[in-house]
Amino acid sequence: MKLIFVLLLFTASSFINQDKRMQPQPVFHYLALGDSYTIGEMVPAAENFPSQVVHLLEQKGIKTDARIIARTGWTTDELKAGIDAANLEYPLLEKYDRVSLLIGVNNQYRGRSVDQYRVEFTGLLEQALGYAGGNPDHVVVLSIPDWGVTPYAEGRDRVQIAREIDTYNMVNREMTEAHRIHYIDITPWTREAAGQPDLLAADGLHPSGKEYRRWAEKLTDYFMKD
């Protein structure tokens, strides 16, 4: 009788484990908002930082997909328009597991006012927070890279560019911290491209896949905290 009970228990346990294996693995949904730095202008799609985040998470056994709302040249208001035009809802999904935001370099490049940037960036930050279900721990802001160190900036006032980028980053960091959202300062890394050309793509302006890898590793580490 005891042997029959053990066999029945073993059989039931096998069915339970098999059922667990047959259940679909939950998908980690990641939303990346931004501009050329988010889509990875001039690098293969697999090398932009959101795609590298997906790869790193899946290496850790986390099935992941990324939705990217970004375009080269977008300013804050253009990103807002792009978000509004996109259908950001997954079927039966009310929120994204993580959201990243990187925007502002084109505001600086076009000479837009910092005050305008503050207002529009804050609006985007609040949208990102909404897509993360209102959880500030699930949103990450990346600082604006300094394109003034790149060959593309040859003949321009690199000191002024750096100063303006720093001012924009002071604003986005202030607003990010006011919303208790995590901030990753990638700007010092991007300035290393002045002496390390392999950190730049072939156009001499945008980051290379190698540079994006550093951002992706930082994001992945933070995403894995929960």
C-alpha atoms as a PDB file:
ATOM      1  CA  MET A   1       0.000   0.000   0.000  1.00  0.00           C
ATOM      2  CA  LYS A   2       2.834   2.321   0.897  1.00  0.00           C
ATOM      3  CA  LEU A   3       4.540   1.574  -2.437  1.00  0.00           C
ATOM      4  CA  ILE A   4       1.337   2.415  -4.351  1.00  0.00           C
ATOM      5  CA  PHE A   5       1.058   5.731  -2.481  1.00  0.00           C
ATOM      6  CA  VAL A   6       4.668   6.645  -3.329  1.00  0.00           C
ATOM      7  CA  LEU A   7       4.075   5.770  -6.996  1.00  0.00           C
ATOM      8  CA  LEU A   8       0.930   7.885  -7.099  1.00  0.00           C
ATOM      9  CA  LEU A   9       2.766  10.794  -5.463  1.00  0.00           C
ATOM     10  CA  PHE A  10       5.640  10.492  -7.931  1.00  0.00           C
ATOM     11  CA  THR A  11       3.214  10.369 -10.867  1.00  0.00           C
ATOM     12  CA  ALA A  12       1.312  13.437  -9.634  1.00  0.00           C
ATOM     13  CA  SER A  13       4.577  15.327  -9.127  1.00  0.00           C
ATOM     14  CA  SER A  14       5.688  14.438 -12.663  1.00  0.00           C
ATOM     15  CA  PHE A  15       2.428  15.758 -14.114  1.00  0.00           C
ATOM     16  CA  ILE A  16       2.780  19.014 -12.125  1.00  0.00           C
ATOM     17  CA  ASN A  17       6.373  19.552 -13.280  1.00  0.00           C
ATOM     18  CA  GLN A  18       5.425  18.732 -16.874  1.00  0.00           C
ATOM     19  CA  ASP A  19       2.537  21.201 -16.659  1.00  0.00           C
ATOM     20  CA  LYS A  20       4.915  23.897 -15.419  1.00  0.00           C
ATOM     21  CA  ARG A  21       7.268  23.231 -18.315  1.00  0.00           C
ATOM     22  CA  MET A  22       4.400  23.522 -20.766  1.00  0.00           C
ATOM     23  CA  GLN A  23       3.241  26.865 -19.410  1.00  0.00           C
ATOM     24  CA  PRO A  24       4.412  29.824 -21.553  1.00  0.00           C
ATOM     25  CA  GLN A  25       7.218  31.852 -20.007  1.00  0.00           C
ATOM     26  CA  PRO A  26       6.156  35.386 -19.074  1.00  0.00           C
ATOM     27  CA  VAL A  27       7.569  38.057 -21.380  1.00  0.00           C
ATOM     28  CA  PHE A  28       9.403  41.092 -19.987  1.00  0.00           C
ATOM     29  CA  HIS A  29       8.131  44.140 -21.908  1.00  0.00           C
ATOM     30  CA  TYR A  30      10.568  47.034 -22.376  1.00  0.00           C
ATOM     31  CA  LEU A  31       9.708  50.418 -23.913  1.00  0.00           C
ATOM     32  CA  ALA A  32      12.564  52.651 -25.146  1.00  0.00           C
ATOM     33  CA  LEU A  33      11.773  56.298 -25.932  1.00  0.00           C
ATOM     34  CA  GLY A  34      14.214  58.655 -27.620  1.00  0.00           C
ATOM     35  CA  ASP A  35      15.987  59.767 -30.775  1.00  0.00           C
ATOM     36  CA  SER A  36      18.935  58.583 -32.896  1.00  0.00           C
ATOM     37  CA  TYR A  37      20.810  57.423 -29.800  1.00  0.00           C
ATOM     38  CA  THR A  38      17.963  55.026 -29.039  1.00  0.00           C
ATOM     39  CA  ILE A  39      17.453  53.579 -32.518  1.00  0.00           C
ATOM     40  CA  GLY A  40      21.226  53.324 -32.948  1.00  0.00           C
ATOM     41  CA  GLU A  41      21.804  55.436 -36.050  1.00  0.00           C
ATOM     42  CA  MET A  42      24.589  53.976 -38.220  1.00  0.00           C
ATOM     43  CA  VAL A  43      24.839  50.637 -36.389  1.00  0.00           C
ATOM     44  CA  PRO A  44      23.009  47.348 -37.089  1.00  0.00           C
ATOM     45  CA  ALA A  45      19.650  47.131 -35.302  1.00  0.00           C
ATOM     46  CA  ALA A  46      20.969  44.369 -33.059  1.00  0.00           C
ATOM     47  CA  GLU A  47      23.638  46.755 -31.725  1.00  0.00           C
ATOM     48  CA  ASN A  48      21.454  49.616 -30.521  1.00  0.00           C
ATOM     49  CA  PHE A  49      21.221  49.694 -26.761  1.00  0.00           C
ATOM     50  CA  PRO A  50      17.586  48.501 -26.394  1.00  0.00           C
ATOM     51  CA  SER A  51      18.351  45.439 -28.540  1.00  0.00           C
ATOM     52  CA  GLN A  52      21.473  44.741 -26.516  1.00  0.00           C
ATOM     53  CA  VAL A  53      19.406  44.992 -23.325  1.00  0.00           C
ATOM     54  CA  VAL A  54      17.058  42.343 -24.746  1.00  0.00           C
ATOM     55  CA  HIS A  55      20.024  40.101 -25.564  1.00  0.00           C
ATOM     56  CA  LEU A  56      21.583  40.511 -22.106  1.00  0.00           C
ATOM     57  CA  LEU A  57      18.294  39.808 -20.324  1.00  0.00           C
ATOM     58  CA  GLU A  58      17.652  36.727 -22.432  1.00  0.00           C
ATOM     59  CA  GLN A  59      21.143  35.481 -21.592  1.00  0.00           C
ATOM     60  CA  LYS A  60      19.934  35.595 -17.989  1.00  0.00           C
ATOM     61  CA  GLY A  61      16.888  33.526 -18.875  1.00  0.00           C
ATOM     62  CA  ILE A  62      14.402  36.399 -19.097  1.00  0.00           C
ATOM     63  CA  LYS A  63      12.317  36.311 -22.264  1.00  0.00           C
ATOM     64  CA  THR A  64      12.166  39.942 -23.388  1.00  0.00           C
ATOM     65  CA  ASP A  65      10.807  42.158 -26.113  1.00  0.00           C
ATOM     66  CA  ALA A  66      11.536  45.820 -26.744  1.00  0.00           C
ATOM     67  CA  ARG A  67       9.360  48.429 -28.360  1.00  0.00           C
ATOM     68  CA  ILE A  68      11.307  51.455 -29.605  1.00  0.00           C
ATOM     69  CA  ILE A  69       9.631  54.804 -30.188  1.00  0.00           C
ATOM     70  CA  ALA A  70      12.452  56.955 -31.541  1.00  0.00           C
ATOM     71  CA  ARG A  71      13.707  58.627 -34.687  1.00  0.00           C
ATOM     72  CA  THR A  72      16.876  60.388 -35.760  1.00  0.00           C
ATOM     73  CA  GLY A  73      16.590  64.147 -35.296  1.00  0.00           C
ATOM     74  CA  TRP A  74      13.668  64.102 -32.892  1.00  0.00           C
ATOM     75  CA  THR A  75      13.364  66.847 -30.308  1.00  0.00           C
ATOM     76  CA  THR A  76      11.232  66.567 -27.178  1.00  0.00           C
ATOM     77  CA  ASP A  77       8.068  67.829 -28.885  1.00  0.00           C
ATOM     78  CA  GLU A  78       8.611  65.492 -31.848  1.00  0.00           C
ATOM     79  CA  LEU A  79       9.058  62.524 -29.547  1.00  0.00           C
ATOM     80  CA  LYS A  80       5.808  63.488 -27.828  1.00  0.00           C
ATOM     81  CA  ALA A  81       4.063  63.547 -31.221  1.00  0.00           C
ATOM     82  CA  GLY A  82       5.615  60.174 -32.100  1.00  0.00           C
ATOM     83  CA  ILE A  83       4.390  58.632 -28.862  1.00  0.00           C
ATOM     84  CA  ASP A  84       0.909  60.029 -29.379  1.00  0.00           C
ATOM     85  CA  ALA A  85       0.819  58.579 -32.901  1.00  0.00           C
ATOM     86  CA  ALA A  86       1.921  55.108 -31.773  1.00  0.00           C
ATOM     87  CA  ASN A  87      -0.226  52.358 -30.354  1.00  0.00           C
ATOM     88  CA  LEU A  88       1.647  51.559 -27.157  1.00  0.00           C
ATOM     89  CA  GLU A  89      -0.778  49.049 -25.674  1.00  0.00           C
ATOM     90  CA  TYR A  90      -0.066  45.344 -25.803  1.00  0.00           C
ATOM     91  CA  PRO A  91      -3.161  43.127 -25.793  1.00  0.00           C
ATOM     92  CA  LEU A  92      -4.377  42.749 -22.202  1.00  0.00           C
ATOM     93  CA  LEU A  93      -1.333  44.677 -20.939  1.00  0.00           C
ATOM     94  CA  GLU A  94      -1.794  47.873 -18.969  1.00  0.00           C
ATOM     95  CA  LYS A  95       1.855  48.722 -18.439  1.00  0.00           C
ATOM     96  CA  TYR A  96       5.432  48.055 -19.508  1.00  0.00           C
ATOM     97  CA  ASP A  97       7.833  46.329 -17.153  1.00  0.00           C
ATOM     98  CA  ARG A  98      10.527  48.946 -17.793  1.00  0.00           C
ATOM     99  CA  VAL A  99      10.737  52.234 -19.706  1.00  0.00           C
ATOM    100  CA  SER A 100      13.846  54.199 -20.704  1.00  0.00           C
ATOM    101  CA  LEU A 101      13.983  57.812 -21.862  1.00  0.00           C
ATOM    102  CA  LEU A 102      16.861  59.571 -23.625  1.00  0.00           C
ATOM    103  CA  ILE A 103      16.050  62.848 -25.375  1.00  0.00           C
ATOM    104  CA  GLY A 104      17.362  66.377 -25.776  1.00  0.00           C
ATOM    105  CA  VAL A 105      20.424  66.455 -28.016  1.00  0.00           C
ATOM    106  CA  ASN A 106      18.438  67.834 -30.945  1.00  0.00           C
ATOM    107  CA  ASN A 107      16.908  70.533 -28.745  1.00  0.00           C
ATOM    108  CA  GLN A 108      20.455  71.628 -27.976  1.00  0.00           C
ATOM    109  CA  TYR A 109      21.608  71.264 -31.594  1.00  0.00           C
ATOM    110  CA  ARG A 110      18.744  73.406 -32.890  1.00  0.00           C
ATOM    111  CA  GLY A 111      19.280  76.066 -30.252  1.00  0.00           C
ATOM    112  CA  ARG A 112      16.000  75.485 -28.432  1.00  0.00           C
ATOM    113  CA  SER A 113      15.620  77.123 -25.029  1.00  0.00           C
ATOM    114  CA  VAL A 114      16.405  75.184 -21.881  1.00  0.00           C
ATOM    115  CA  ASP A 115      13.156  76.422 -20.328  1.00  0.00           C
ATOM    116  CA  GLN A 116      11.177  74.880 -23.187  1.00  0.00           C
ATOM    117  CA  TYR A 117      13.148  71.673 -22.759  1.00  0.00           C
ATOM    118  CA  ARG A 118      12.337  71.562 -19.049  1.00  0.00           C
ATOM    119  CA  VAL A 119       8.594  71.736 -19.692  1.00  0.00           C
ATOM    120  CA  GLU A 120       8.566  69.233 -22.555  1.00  0.00           C
ATOM    121  CA  PHE A 121      10.985  66.808 -20.908  1.00  0.00           C
ATOM    122  CA  THR A 122       8.886  66.809 -17.737  1.00  0.00           C
ATOM    123  CA  GLY A 123       5.821  65.921 -19.792  1.00  0.00           C
ATOM    124  CA  LEU A 124       7.671  63.018 -21.414  1.00  0.00           C
ATOM    125  CA  LEU A 125       8.918  61.861 -18.039  1.00  0.00           C
ATOM    126  CA  GLU A 126       5.376  61.747 -16.722  1.00  0.00           C
ATOM    127  CA  GLN A 127       4.234  59.826 -19.798  1.00  0.00           C
ATOM    128  CA  ALA A 128       7.049  57.320 -19.298  1.00  0.00           C
ATOM    129  CA  LEU A 129       5.991  56.944 -15.677  1.00  0.00           C
ATOM    130  CA  GLY A 130       2.437  56.266 -16.791  1.00  0.00           C
ATOM    131  CA  TYR A 131       3.574  53.528 -19.183  1.00  0.00           C
ATOM    132  CA  ALA A 132       5.438  51.938 -16.264  1.00  0.00           C
ATOM    133  CA  GLY A 133       2.241  51.721 -14.252  1.00  0.00           C
ATOM    134  CA  GLY A 134       3.174  54.723 -12.131  1.00  0.00           C
ATOM    135  CA  ASN A 135       6.172  52.952 -10.582  1.00  0.00           C
ATOM    136  CA  PRO A 136       9.219  55.285 -10.635  1.00  0.00           C
ATOM    137  CA  ASP A 137      11.534  52.328  -9.987  1.00  0.00           C
ATOM    138  CA  HIS A 138      10.588  50.974 -13.398  1.00  0.00           C
ATOM    139  CA  VAL A 139      11.684  54.059 -15.366  1.00  0.00           C
ATOM    140  CA  VAL A 140      15.257  55.017 -16.281  1.00  0.00           C
ATOM    141  CA  VAL A 141      16.540  58.265 -17.792  1.00  0.00           C
ATOM    142  CA  LEU A 142      19.864  58.366 -19.620  1.00  0.00           C
ATOM    143  CA  SER A 143      21.807  61.618 -19.883  1.00  0.00           C
ATOM    144  CA  ILE A 144      22.466  63.319 -23.232  1.00  0.00           C
ATOM    145  CA  PRO A 145      25.762  62.326 -24.905  1.00  0.00           C
ATOM    146  CA  ASP A 146      28.295  65.028 -25.758  1.00  0.00           C
ATOM    147  CA  TRP A 147      28.581  65.065 -29.561  1.00  0.00           C
ATOM    148  CA  GLY A 148      31.025  67.973 -29.322  1.00  0.00           C
ATOM    149  CA  VAL A 149      33.966  65.585 -28.886  1.00  0.00           C
ATOM    150  CA  THR A 150      33.266  63.814 -32.187  1.00  0.00           C
ATOM    151  CA  PRO A 151      34.890  64.456 -35.590  1.00  0.00           C
ATOM    152  CA  TYR A 152      31.495  65.715 -36.775  1.00  0.00           C
ATOM    153  CA  ALA A 153      31.961  68.747 -34.509  1.00  0.00           C
ATOM    154  CA  GLU A 154      35.235  69.751 -36.187  1.00  0.00           C
ATOM    155  CA  GLY A 155      35.300  73.531 -36.629  1.00  0.00           C
ATOM    156  CA  ARG A 156      32.583  74.146 -34.042  1.00  0.00           C
ATOM    157  CA  ASP A 157      32.987  75.498 -30.536  1.00  0.00           C
ATOM    158  CA  ARG A 158      33.421  72.249 -28.626  1.00  0.00           C
ATOM    159  CA  VAL A 159      33.608  74.001 -25.270  1.00  0.00           C
ATOM    160  CA  GLN A 160      30.278  75.715 -25.858  1.00  0.00           C
ATOM    161  CA  ILE A 161      28.665  72.452 -26.974  1.00  0.00           C
ATOM    162  CA  ALA A 162      29.890  70.732 -23.813  1.00  0.00           C
ATOM    163  CA  ARG A 163      28.614  73.597 -21.685  1.00  0.00           C
ATOM    164  CA  GLU A 164      25.170  73.483 -23.290  1.00  0.00           C
ATOM    165  CA  ILE A 165      24.953  69.693 -23.020  1.00  0.00           C
ATOM    166  CA  ASP A 166      25.841  69.975 -19.337  1.00  0.00           C
ATOM    167  CA  THR A 167      23.074  72.553 -18.851  1.00  0.00           C
ATOM    168  CA  TYR A 168      20.509  70.321 -20.517  1.00  0.00           C
ATOM    169  CA  ASN A 169      21.660  67.400 -18.401  1.00  0.00           C
ATOM    170  CA  MET A 170      21.382  69.467 -15.230  1.00  0.00           C
ATOM    171  CA  VAL A 171      17.741  70.048 -16.123  1.00  0.00           C
ATOM    172  CA  ASN A 172      16.861  66.462 -17.017  1.00  0.00           C
ATOM    173  CA  ARG A 173      18.656  65.148 -13.929  1.00  0.00           C
ATOM    174  CA  GLU A 174      16.856  67.615 -11.680  1.00  0.00           C
ATOM    175  CA  MET A 175      13.446  66.643 -13.051  1.00  0.00           C
ATOM    176  CA  THR A 176      14.283  62.933 -12.984  1.00  0.00           C
ATOM    177  CA  GLU A 177      15.321  63.022  -9.351  1.00  0.00           C
ATOM    178  CA  ALA A 178      12.277  65.145  -8.458  1.00  0.00           C
ATOM    179  CA  HIS A 179      10.135  62.264  -9.754  1.00  0.00           C
ATOM    180  CA  ARG A 180      12.281  59.705  -7.816  1.00  0.00           C
ATOM    181  CA  ILE A 181      13.287  58.046 -11.089  1.00  0.00           C
ATOM    182  CA  HIS A 182      16.636  56.345 -11.673  1.00  0.00           C
ATOM    183  CA  TYR A 183      19.227  58.351 -13.655  1.00  0.00           C
ATOM    184  CA  ILE A 184      22.213  56.965 -15.557  1.00  0.00           C
ATOM    185  CA  ASP A 185      24.913  59.467 -16.458  1.00  0.00           C
ATOM    186  CA  ILE A 186      26.454  58.203 -19.696  1.00  0.00           C
ATOM    187  CA  THR A 187      27.881  61.593 -20.760  1.00  0.00           C
ATOM    188  CA  PRO A 188      31.389  61.034 -19.315  1.00  0.00           C
ATOM    189  CA  TRP A 189      31.621  57.790 -21.269  1.00  0.00           C
ATOM    190  CA  THR A 190      30.661  59.512 -24.523  1.00  0.00           C
ATOM    191  CA  ARG A 191      33.444  62.056 -23.979  1.00  0.00           C
ATOM    192  CA  GLU A 192      35.972  59.233 -24.057  1.00  0.00           C
ATOM    193  CA  ALA A 193      35.327  59.018 -27.809  1.00  0.00           C
ATOM    194  CA  ALA A 194      37.681  61.993 -28.221  1.00  0.00           C
ATOM    195  CA  GLY A 195      40.574  59.552 -27.759  1.00  0.00           C
ATOM    196  CA  GLN A 196      38.870  56.257 -28.634  1.00  0.00           C
ATOM    197  CA  PRO A 197      37.483  56.307 -32.185  1.00  0.00           C
ATOM    198  CA  ASP A 198      36.153  52.746 -31.843  1.00  0.00           C
ATOM    199  CA  LEU A 199      33.465  54.169 -29.567  1.00  0.00           C
ATOM    200  CA  LEU A 200      31.987  55.930 -32.613  1.00  0.00           C
ATOM    201  CA  ALA A 201      30.073  54.662 -35.631  1.00  0.00           C
ATOM    202  CA  ALA A 202      31.325  55.172 -39.185  1.00  0.00           C
ATOM    203  CA  ASP A 203      29.725  58.624 -39.461  1.00  0.00           C
ATOM    204  CA  GLY A 204      32.022  60.008 -36.775  1.00  0.00           C
ATOM    205  CA  LEU A 205      29.053  61.266 -34.781  1.00  0.00           C
ATOM    206  CA  HIS A 206      26.898  58.515 -33.339  1.00  0.00           C
ATOM    207  CA  PRO A 207      28.048  55.863 -30.850  1.00  0.00           C
ATOM    208  CA  SER A 208      29.255  52.454 -31.975  1.00  0.00           C
ATOM    209  CA  GLY A 209      27.826  49.153 -30.821  1.00  0.00           C
ATOM    210  CA  LYS A 210      30.733  48.947 -28.391  1.00  0.00           C
ATOM    211  CA  GLU A 211      29.638  52.174 -26.715  1.00  0.00           C
ATOM    212  CA  TYR A 212      25.995  51.120 -26.675  1.00  0.00           C
ATOM    213  CA  ARG A 213      27.066  47.906 -24.949  1.00  0.00           C
ATOM    214  CA  ARG A 214      28.159  49.928 -21.913  1.00  0.00           C
ATOM    215  CA  TRP A 215      24.775  51.635 -21.699  1.00  0.00           C
ATOM    216  CA  ALA A 216      22.965  48.325 -22.133  1.00  0.00           C
ATOM    217  CA  GLU A 217      24.947  46.699 -19.338  1.00  0.00           C
ATOM    218  CA  LYS A 218      24.071  49.552 -16.961  1.00  0.00           C
ATOM    219  CA  LEU A 219      20.399  49.339 -17.872  1.00  0.00           C
ATOM    220  CA  THR A 220      20.339  45.555 -17.559  1.00  0.00           C
ATOM    221  CA  ASP A 221      21.935  45.683 -14.125  1.00  0.00           C
ATOM    222  CA  TYR A 222      19.259  48.118 -12.986  1.00  0.00           C
ATOM    223  CA  PHE A 223      16.421  46.188 -14.624  1.00  0.00           C
ATOM    224  CA  MET A 224      17.551  43.048 -12.777  1.00  0.00           C
ATOM    225  CA  LYS A 225      17.307  44.683  -9.363  1.00  0.00           C
ATOM    226  CA  ASP A 226      13.684  43.612  -8.797  1.00  0.00           C
END
